[in-house]
């Protein structure tokens, strides 16, 4: 196990609706991110669960800073 990975019993999983709320986007946008592979998720039955840390990582990596002139 890598140093930055938690044991599975400590991972917090979010539903698609919860991810959409955190990111302030629609559920369809979250589904698109999952299906495109940009946001890792696991499938539980017909539902997806996204590790909370993956959401934070995605948002951090997607951040676009504005440089002042």
Protein backbone atom coordinates (compact mmCIF):
# COMPACT_ATOMS: atom_id res chain seq x y z
CA UNK A 1 0.00 0.00 0.00
CA UNK A 2 1.33 3.43 -0.95
CA UNK A 3 2.03 5.94 1.78
CA UNK A 4 -0.82 8.24 0.66
CA UNK A 5 -3.47 5.50 0.55
CA UNK A 6 -5.80 4.73 3.43
CA UNK A 7 -7.03 1.24 4.27
CA UNK A 8 -10.39 0.64 2.58
CA UNK A 9 -12.23 0.63 5.91
CA UNK A 10 -11.13 4.27 6.41
CA UNK A 11 -12.06 5.54 2.93
CA UNK A 12 -15.12 7.79 2.84
CA UNK A 13 -17.25 7.22 -0.26
CA UNK A 14 -19.69 9.81 -1.61
CA UNK A 15 -22.76 9.31 -3.76
CA UNK A 16 -23.05 11.05 -7.11
CA UNK A 17 -25.52 13.51 -5.57
CA UNK A 18 -23.09 14.31 -2.75
CA UNK A 19 -20.24 14.85 -5.21
CA UNK A 20 -22.46 17.14 -7.28
CA UNK A 21 -23.25 19.17 -4.16
CA UNK A 22 -19.59 19.47 -3.17
CA UNK A 23 -18.56 20.49 -6.69
CA UNK A 24 -21.69 22.63 -7.23
CA UNK A 25 -22.45 20.94 -10.57
CA UNK A 26 -25.25 18.72 -11.82
CA UNK A 27 -25.35 14.97 -11.24
CA UNK A 28 -25.03 14.51 -15.01
CA UNK A 29 -21.69 16.34 -14.93
CA UNK A 30 -20.46 13.94 -12.23
CA UNK A 31 -21.61 10.94 -14.28
CA UNK A 32 -19.72 12.32 -17.29
CA UNK A 33 -16.56 12.73 -15.21
CA UNK A 34 -16.88 9.16 -13.92
CA UNK A 35 -17.57 7.64 -17.34
CA UNK A 36 -14.73 9.56 -18.97
CA UNK A 37 -12.30 8.35 -16.31
CA UNK A 38 -11.51 11.81 -14.97
CA UNK A 39 -13.06 10.95 -11.60
CA UNK A 40 -12.42 7.46 -10.20
CA UNK A 41 -15.42 5.61 -8.82
CA UNK A 42 -16.59 2.16 -7.86
CA UNK A 43 -19.87 0.64 -8.91
CA UNK A 44 -22.20 -0.70 -6.24
CA UNK A 45 -25.13 -2.35 -7.96
CA UNK A 46 -26.43 0.31 -10.33
CA UNK A 47 -24.95 3.19 -8.33
CA UNK A 48 -21.52 4.78 -8.26
CA UNK A 49 -19.53 5.72 -5.18
CA UNK A 50 -16.64 8.17 -5.41
CA UNK A 51 -13.85 8.30 -2.83
CA UNK A 52 -13.99 11.68 -1.09
CA UNK A 53 -10.25 12.17 -1.52
CA UNK A 54 -10.62 11.67 -5.30
CA UNK A 55 -13.04 14.60 -5.42
CA UNK A 56 -10.60 16.82 -3.52
CA UNK A 57 -7.72 15.68 -5.75
CA UNK A 58 -9.73 16.37 -8.91
CA UNK A 59 -10.68 19.85 -7.75
CA UNK A 60 -7.11 20.67 -6.68
CA UNK A 61 -5.66 19.42 -9.98
CA UNK A 62 -8.30 21.30 -12.00
CA UNK A 63 -7.76 24.61 -10.24
CA UNK A 64 -6.94 27.41 -12.65
CA UNK A 65 -5.16 30.34 -11.08
CA UNK A 66 -5.43 33.82 -12.48
CA UNK A 67 -2.13 35.63 -12.87
CA UNK A 68 -2.11 39.35 -12.25
CA UNK A 69 -0.58 41.54 -14.93
